Amino acid sequence: MKKTIKSIFYILVLTLSMVSISYSESLYQIVQANSDKDLINNGELLIVNAIHTVSDNNTKLSGIGIRIHFNSNLLEFISIDDYFVYGRTGTPLITSEENYSEDDDPLTDSIIVMGWATIGSSWPMIEGPVELIRIIFRAKQPLAKVETYINITHTSKDSRYLFEGINRKVTISGKFMSDFNHDNVLDIIDVMHLLHYLVTDQ
């Protein structure tokens, strides 16, 4: 009986050790959403970057596919300013999030989808971090101060790796960029303030 218990104990220890080793050796493809500001005013442009890194710095992967989720009621998509060319599969897709709500954020409603892949696992060929895509938005929240998130999920990855998406929180102040007297109304008073600023700034 003691021998049986001892054997079971050793099996449990061995199993837990193997799980621990497996967990500690997990490899990740990481895509992080960054932005040039974390606080913006109404009408102000926001530049968002998706940055790819690999936990073991491997430069020979099969590729990556990502979704960038955002709230189009707060952030107006303006353009894609740049993207990583090597391995690019088609052009970016901007569409409704209706069937792709993997970010578990009920407030996001739109996504930008982009993918990179190579035959023979040669992506991205350079050491990271790699800027995958650069996007320009414009803030359009009416009046109240509000927080919104730009979330990252994946459509594909290298089968040897797990995926981690790091989201970005942005606060929209609720003030207009040209609201000089901060009353949340753009009117003739703001125009006069602007003219005064331009004249006295010479």
C-alpha atoms as a PDB file:
ATOM      1  CA  MET A   1       0.000   0.000   0.000  1.00  0.00           C
ATOM      2  CA  LYS A   2       2.766   2.413   0.952  1.00  0.00           C
ATOM      3  CA  LYS A   3       4.614   1.514  -2.221  1.00  0.00           C
ATOM      4  CA  THR A   4       1.501   2.334  -4.307  1.00  0.00           C
ATOM      5  CA  ILE A   5       1.033   5.703  -2.588  1.00  0.00           C
ATOM      6  CA  LYS A   6       4.703   6.489  -3.074  1.00  0.00           C
ATOM      7  CA  SER A   7       4.447   5.650  -6.798  1.00  0.00           C
ATOM      8  CA  ILE A   8       1.371   7.853  -7.205  1.00  0.00           C
ATOM      9  CA  PHE A   9       3.185  10.686  -5.414  1.00  0.00           C
ATOM     10  CA  TYR A  10       6.193  10.437  -7.754  1.00  0.00           C
ATOM     11  CA  ILE A  11       3.881  10.429 -10.814  1.00  0.00           C
ATOM     12  CA  LEU A  12       2.110  13.573  -9.555  1.00  0.00           C
ATOM     13  CA  VAL A  13       5.423  15.346  -8.919  1.00  0.00           C
ATOM     14  CA  LEU A  14       6.711  14.379 -12.365  1.00  0.00           C
ATOM     15  CA  THR A  15       3.481  15.539 -14.042  1.00  0.00           C
ATOM     16  CA  LEU A  16       3.520  18.894 -12.247  1.00  0.00           C
ATOM     17  CA  SER A  17       7.189  19.352 -13.128  1.00  0.00           C
ATOM     18  CA  MET A  18       6.461  18.721 -16.803  1.00  0.00           C
ATOM     19  CA  VAL A  19       3.551  21.202 -16.750  1.00  0.00           C
ATOM     20  CA  SER A  20       5.757  23.780 -15.044  1.00  0.00           C
ATOM     21  CA  ILE A  21       8.537  23.314 -17.606  1.00  0.00           C
ATOM     22  CA  SER A  22       6.048  23.495 -20.468  1.00  0.00           C
ATOM     23  CA  TYR A  23       4.534  26.709 -19.059  1.00  0.00           C
ATOM     24  CA  SER A  24       7.905  28.366 -18.480  1.00  0.00           C
ATOM     25  CA  GLU A  25       9.027  27.551 -22.015  1.00  0.00           C
ATOM     26  CA  SER A  26       5.900  28.896 -23.763  1.00  0.00           C
ATOM     27  CA  LEU A  27       6.754  31.125 -26.682  1.00  0.00           C
ATOM     28  CA  TYR A  28       4.764  34.184 -27.674  1.00  0.00           C
ATOM     29  CA  GLN A  29       4.144  36.411 -30.633  1.00  0.00           C
ATOM     30  CA  ILE A  30       3.213  39.745 -29.095  1.00  0.00           C
ATOM     31  CA  VAL A  31       1.460  42.613 -30.849  1.00  0.00           C
ATOM     32  CA  GLN A  32       1.112  45.848 -28.902  1.00  0.00           C
ATOM     33  CA  ALA A  33      -1.024  48.857 -29.806  1.00  0.00           C
ATOM     34  CA  ASN A  34       0.820  52.123 -29.227  1.00  0.00           C
ATOM     35  CA  SER A  35      -0.232  55.713 -29.891  1.00  0.00           C
ATOM     36  CA  ASP A  36       1.519  59.058 -30.083  1.00  0.00           C
ATOM     37  CA  LYS A  37      -0.791  60.467 -27.365  1.00  0.00           C
ATOM     38  CA  ASP A  38      -2.871  59.045 -24.548  1.00  0.00           C
ATOM     39  CA  LEU A  39      -4.953  62.234 -24.169  1.00  0.00           C
ATOM     40  CA  ILE A  40      -6.458  64.015 -27.182  1.00  0.00           C
ATOM     41  CA  ASN A  41      -9.018  66.728 -27.908  1.00  0.00           C
ATOM     42  CA  ASN A  42     -11.987  66.644 -30.255  1.00  0.00           C
ATOM     43  CA  GLY A  43     -10.854  66.981 -33.858  1.00  0.00           C
ATOM     44  CA  GLU A  44      -7.260  66.075 -33.025  1.00  0.00           C
ATOM     45  CA  LEU A  45      -5.398  63.400 -34.962  1.00  0.00           C
ATOM     46  CA  LEU A  46      -4.173  60.234 -33.260  1.00  0.00           C
ATOM     47  CA  ILE A  47      -1.426  58.040 -34.702  1.00  0.00           C
ATOM     48  CA  VAL A  48      -1.683  54.372 -33.718  1.00  0.00           C
ATOM     49  CA  ASN A  49       1.031  51.763 -34.315  1.00  0.00           C
ATOM     50  CA  ALA A  50       0.832  47.979 -34.024  1.00  0.00           C
ATOM     51  CA  ILE A  51       4.227  46.685 -32.899  1.00  0.00           C
ATOM     52  CA  HIS A  52       5.231  43.002 -33.229  1.00  0.00           C
ATOM     53  CA  THR A  53       7.795  41.287 -31.016  1.00  0.00           C
ATOM     54  CA  VAL A  54       8.697  37.644 -30.379  1.00  0.00           C
ATOM     55  CA  SER A  55       9.537  36.323 -26.924  1.00  0.00           C
ATOM     56  CA  ASP A  56      12.601  34.429 -28.176  1.00  0.00           C
ATOM     57  CA  ASN A  57      13.555  36.958 -30.919  1.00  0.00           C
ATOM     58  CA  ASN A  58      12.994  34.377 -33.659  1.00  0.00           C
ATOM     59  CA  THR A  59      13.079  35.979 -37.127  1.00  0.00           C
ATOM     60  CA  LYS A  60      11.917  32.855 -38.991  1.00  0.00           C
ATOM     61  CA  LEU A  61       8.197  32.566 -38.373  1.00  0.00           C
ATOM     62  CA  SER A  62       5.332  31.647 -40.668  1.00  0.00           C
ATOM     63  CA  GLY A  63       3.723  35.069 -40.176  1.00  0.00           C
ATOM     64  CA  ILE A  64       0.984  36.840 -38.232  1.00  0.00           C
ATOM     65  CA  GLY A  65      -2.563  38.051 -38.867  1.00  0.00           C
ATOM     66  CA  ILE A  66      -4.132  40.750 -36.673  1.00  0.00           C
ATOM     67  CA  ARG A  67      -7.335  42.647 -36.042  1.00  0.00           C
ATOM     68  CA  ILE A  68      -7.255  46.177 -34.640  1.00  0.00           C
ATOM     69  CA  HIS A  69     -10.552  46.902 -32.884  1.00  0.00           C
ATOM     70  CA  PHE A  70     -11.792  50.464 -32.291  1.00  0.00           C
ATOM     71  CA  ASN A  71     -14.921  52.464 -31.515  1.00  0.00           C
ATOM     72  CA  SER A  72     -15.843  54.361 -34.687  1.00  0.00           C
ATOM     73  CA  ASN A  73     -18.218  56.590 -32.706  1.00  0.00           C
ATOM     74  CA  LEU A  74     -15.196  58.050 -30.934  1.00  0.00           C
ATOM     75  CA  LEU A  75     -12.361  57.540 -33.414  1.00  0.00           C
ATOM     76  CA  GLU A  76     -12.853  58.335 -37.079  1.00  0.00           C
ATOM     77  CA  PHE A  77     -10.600  56.283 -39.364  1.00  0.00           C
ATOM     78  CA  ILE A  78      -8.601  58.634 -41.603  1.00  0.00           C
ATOM     79  CA  SER A  79      -5.936  56.563 -43.336  1.00  0.00           C
ATOM     80  CA  ILE A  80      -3.274  53.886 -43.123  1.00  0.00           C
ATOM     81  CA  ASP A  81      -0.048  55.818 -43.133  1.00  0.00           C
ATOM     82  CA  ASP A  82       2.409  52.928 -43.456  1.00  0.00           C
ATOM     83  CA  TYR A  83       2.776  49.161 -43.045  1.00  0.00           C
ATOM     84  CA  PHE A  84       5.426  46.444 -43.001  1.00  0.00           C
ATOM     85  CA  VAL A  85       5.831  45.290 -46.596  1.00  0.00           C
ATOM     86  CA  TYR A  86       7.618  41.946 -46.356  1.00  0.00           C
ATOM     87  CA  GLY A  87       5.159  39.047 -46.410  1.00  0.00           C
ATOM     88  CA  ARG A  88       2.091  41.294 -46.656  1.00  0.00           C
ATOM     89  CA  THR A  89      -0.972  39.361 -47.796  1.00  0.00           C
ATOM     90  CA  GLY A  90      -3.303  41.724 -49.637  1.00  0.00           C
ATOM     91  CA  THR A  91      -4.463  45.161 -48.568  1.00  0.00           C
ATOM     92  CA  PRO A  92      -5.841  46.116 -45.132  1.00  0.00           C
ATOM     93  CA  LEU A  93      -9.548  45.429 -44.645  1.00  0.00           C
ATOM     94  CA  ILE A  94     -11.612  47.991 -42.744  1.00  0.00           C
ATOM     95  CA  THR A  95     -14.992  46.576 -41.780  1.00  0.00           C
ATOM     96  CA  SER A  96     -17.649  46.181 -39.096  1.00  0.00           C
ATOM     97  CA  GLU A  97     -16.739  44.173 -36.010  1.00  0.00           C
ATOM     98  CA  GLU A  98     -20.162  42.481 -36.062  1.00  0.00           C
ATOM     99  CA  ASN A  99     -18.824  38.958 -36.633  1.00  0.00           C
ATOM    100  CA  TYR A 100     -15.374  39.499 -35.081  1.00  0.00           C
ATOM    101  CA  SER A 101     -15.865  40.546 -31.457  1.00  0.00           C
ATOM    102  CA  GLU A 102     -12.966  38.482 -30.077  1.00  0.00           C
ATOM    103  CA  ASP A 103     -11.681  41.451 -28.080  1.00  0.00           C
ATOM    104  CA  ASP A 104     -14.627  41.061 -25.639  1.00  0.00           C
ATOM    105  CA  ASP A 105     -15.153  44.820 -25.648  1.00  0.00           C
ATOM    106  CA  PRO A 106     -18.820  45.732 -26.270  1.00  0.00           C
ATOM    107  CA  LEU A 107     -17.878  49.330 -27.099  1.00  0.00           C
ATOM    108  CA  THR A 108     -15.689  48.615 -30.118  1.00  0.00           C
ATOM    109  CA  ASP A 109     -17.598  48.283 -33.385  1.00  0.00           C
ATOM    110  CA  SER A 110     -15.028  48.361 -36.198  1.00  0.00           C
ATOM    111  CA  ILE A 111     -11.858  46.496 -37.118  1.00  0.00           C
ATOM    112  CA  ILE A 112      -8.849  46.806 -39.382  1.00  0.00           C
ATOM    113  CA  VAL A 113      -7.591  43.397 -40.534  1.00  0.00           C
ATOM    114  CA  MET A 114      -4.090  42.838 -41.883  1.00  0.00           C
ATOM    115  CA  GLY A 115      -1.904  39.767 -42.417  1.00  0.00           C
ATOM    116  CA  TRP A 116       1.672  38.728 -43.192  1.00  0.00           C
ATOM    117  CA  ALA A 117       2.864  35.266 -44.244  1.00  0.00           C
ATOM    118  CA  THR A 118       5.744  33.560 -46.049  1.00  0.00           C
ATOM    119  CA  ILE A 119       6.456  30.111 -47.426  1.00  0.00           C
ATOM    120  CA  GLY A 120       9.143  28.283 -45.485  1.00  0.00           C
ATOM    121  CA  SER A 121       8.919  30.302 -42.265  1.00  0.00           C
ATOM    122  CA  SER A 122      11.130  33.264 -43.111  1.00  0.00           C
ATOM    123  CA  TRP A 123       9.067  36.079 -41.553  1.00  0.00           C
ATOM    124  CA  PRO A 124       9.776  38.797 -40.533  1.00  0.00           C
ATOM    125  CA  MET A 125      13.438  38.207 -41.443  1.00  0.00           C
ATOM    126  CA  ILE A 126      14.581  41.089 -39.214  1.00  0.00           C
ATOM    127  CA  GLU A 127      14.860  41.338 -35.446  1.00  0.00           C
ATOM    128  CA  GLY A 128      11.986  43.067 -33.685  1.00  0.00           C
ATOM    129  CA  PRO A 129      10.296  45.123 -32.610  1.00  0.00           C
ATOM    130  CA  VAL A 130       8.651  45.465 -36.040  1.00  0.00           C
ATOM    131  CA  GLU A 131       6.091  48.164 -36.773  1.00  0.00           C
ATOM    132  CA  LEU A 132       3.364  46.239 -38.615  1.00  0.00           C
ATOM    133  CA  ILE A 133       1.020  49.103 -39.422  1.00  0.00           C
ATOM    134  CA  ARG A 134       0.544  52.817 -38.693  1.00  0.00           C
ATOM    135  CA  ILE A 135      -2.989  54.194 -38.659  1.00  0.00           C
ATOM    136  CA  ILE A 136      -4.325  57.747 -38.381  1.00  0.00           C
ATOM    137  CA  PHE A 137      -7.590  58.441 -36.543  1.00  0.00           C
ATOM    138  CA  ARG A 138      -9.408  61.645 -35.646  1.00  0.00           C
ATOM    139  CA  ALA A 139     -11.168  62.061 -32.303  1.00  0.00           C
ATOM    140  CA  LYS A 140     -14.845  62.920 -32.620  1.00  0.00           C
ATOM    141  CA  GLN A 141     -16.416  62.620 -29.153  1.00  0.00           C
ATOM    142  CA  PRO A 142     -18.993  65.446 -28.766  1.00  0.00           C
ATOM    143  CA  LEU A 143     -18.621  66.954 -25.283  1.00  0.00           C
ATOM    144  CA  ALA A 144     -17.989  64.674 -22.335  1.00  0.00           C
ATOM    145  CA  LYS A 145     -14.585  63.305 -21.409  1.00  0.00           C
ATOM    146  CA  VAL A 146     -14.431  59.621 -22.291  1.00  0.00           C
ATOM    147  CA  GLU A 147     -11.991  56.713 -22.431  1.00  0.00           C
ATOM    148  CA  THR A 148     -11.763  54.320 -25.348  1.00  0.00           C
ATOM    149  CA  TYR A 149      -9.616  51.312 -26.157  1.00  0.00           C
ATOM    150  CA  ILE A 150      -7.759  50.163 -29.233  1.00  0.00           C
ATOM    151  CA  ASN A 151      -7.644  46.377 -28.906  1.00  0.00           C
ATOM    152  CA  ILE A 152      -5.542  43.752 -30.659  1.00  0.00           C
ATOM    153  CA  THR A 153      -6.605  40.196 -31.506  1.00  0.00           C
ATOM    154  CA  HIS A 154      -5.188  37.732 -34.023  1.00  0.00           C
ATOM    155  CA  THR A 155      -6.498  35.863 -37.057  1.00  0.00           C
ATOM    156  CA  SER A 156      -3.419  33.660 -37.489  1.00  0.00           C
ATOM    157  CA  LYS A 157       0.012  33.029 -35.997  1.00  0.00           C
ATOM    158  CA  ASP A 158       2.949  30.658 -36.103  1.00  0.00           C
ATOM    159  CA  SER A 159       1.721  27.289 -34.776  1.00  0.00           C
ATOM    160  CA  ARG A 160       4.700  27.013 -32.424  1.00  0.00           C
ATOM    161  CA  TYR A 161       3.724  30.187 -30.570  1.00  0.00           C
ATOM    162  CA  LEU A 162       0.989  31.547 -28.366  1.00  0.00           C
ATOM    163  CA  PHE A 163      -0.394  35.018 -29.002  1.00  0.00           C
ATOM    164  CA  GLU A 164      -0.579  38.040 -26.725  1.00  0.00           C
ATOM    165  CA  GLY A 165      -2.310  41.265 -27.717  1.00  0.00           C
ATOM    166  CA  ILE A 166      -1.589  44.397 -25.673  1.00  0.00           C
ATOM    167  CA  ASN A 167      -4.323  47.015 -25.889  1.00  0.00           C
ATOM    168  CA  ARG A 168      -4.076  50.801 -25.734  1.00  0.00           C
ATOM    169  CA  LYS A 169      -6.312  53.149 -23.719  1.00  0.00           C
ATOM    170  CA  VAL A 170      -6.884  56.652 -25.073  1.00  0.00           C
ATOM    171  CA  THR A 171      -8.747  59.469 -23.315  1.00  0.00           C
ATOM    172  CA  ILE A 172     -10.669  62.038 -25.358  1.00  0.00           C
ATOM    173  CA  SER A 173     -10.924  65.260 -23.381  1.00  0.00           C
ATOM    174  CA  GLY A 174     -14.283  66.445 -24.728  1.00  0.00           C
ATOM    175  CA  LYS A 175     -12.783  69.840 -25.569  1.00  0.00           C
ATOM    176  CA  PHE A 176     -12.448  70.987 -29.152  1.00  0.00           C
ATOM    177  CA  MET A 177      -8.953  71.580 -30.466  1.00  0.00           C
ATOM    178  CA  SER A 178      -9.906  75.191 -31.353  1.00  0.00           C
ATOM    179  CA  ASP A 179     -12.113  75.847 -28.325  1.00  0.00           C
ATOM    180  CA  PHE A 180      -9.960  78.647 -26.946  1.00  0.00           C
ATOM    181  CA  ASN A 181     -12.306  79.678 -24.109  1.00  0.00           C
ATOM    182  CA  HIS A 182     -13.069  76.044 -23.174  1.00  0.00           C
ATOM    183  CA  ASP A 183     -16.863  76.336 -23.255  1.00  0.00           C
ATOM    184  CA  ASN A 184     -17.224  73.301 -25.551  1.00  0.00           C
ATOM    185  CA  VAL A 185     -18.734  75.484 -28.273  1.00  0.00           C
ATOM    186  CA  LEU A 186     -17.012  76.646 -31.447  1.00  0.00           C
ATOM    187  CA  ASP A 187     -18.249  80.178 -32.120  1.00  0.00           C
ATOM    188  CA  ILE A 188     -17.226  83.737 -33.029  1.00  0.00           C
ATOM    189  CA  ILE A 189     -15.480  84.154 -29.667  1.00  0.00           C
ATOM    190  CA  ASP A 190     -13.099  81.325 -30.539  1.00  0.00           C
ATOM    191  CA  VAL A 191     -12.464  82.925 -33.948  1.00  0.00           C
ATOM    192  CA  MET A 192     -11.574  86.210 -32.217  1.00  0.00           C
ATOM    193  CA  HIS A 193      -9.244  84.364 -29.852  1.00  0.00           C
ATOM    194  CA  LEU A 194      -7.592  82.670 -32.827  1.00  0.00           C
ATOM    195  CA  LEU A 195      -7.134  85.959 -34.697  1.00  0.00           C
ATOM    196  CA  HIS A 196      -5.692  87.583 -31.587  1.00  0.00           C
ATOM    197  CA  TYR A 197      -3.293  84.669 -31.175  1.00  0.00           C
ATOM    198  CA  LEU A 198      -2.138  84.862 -34.799  1.00  0.00           C
ATOM    199  CA  VAL A 199      -1.606  88.634 -34.656  1.00  0.00           C
ATOM    200  CA  THR A 200       0.234  88.730 -31.334  1.00  0.00           C
ATOM    201  CA  ASP A 201       2.338  85.668 -32.145  1.00  0.00           C
ATOM    202  CA  GLN A 202       4.169  87.422 -34.980  1.00  0.00           C
END
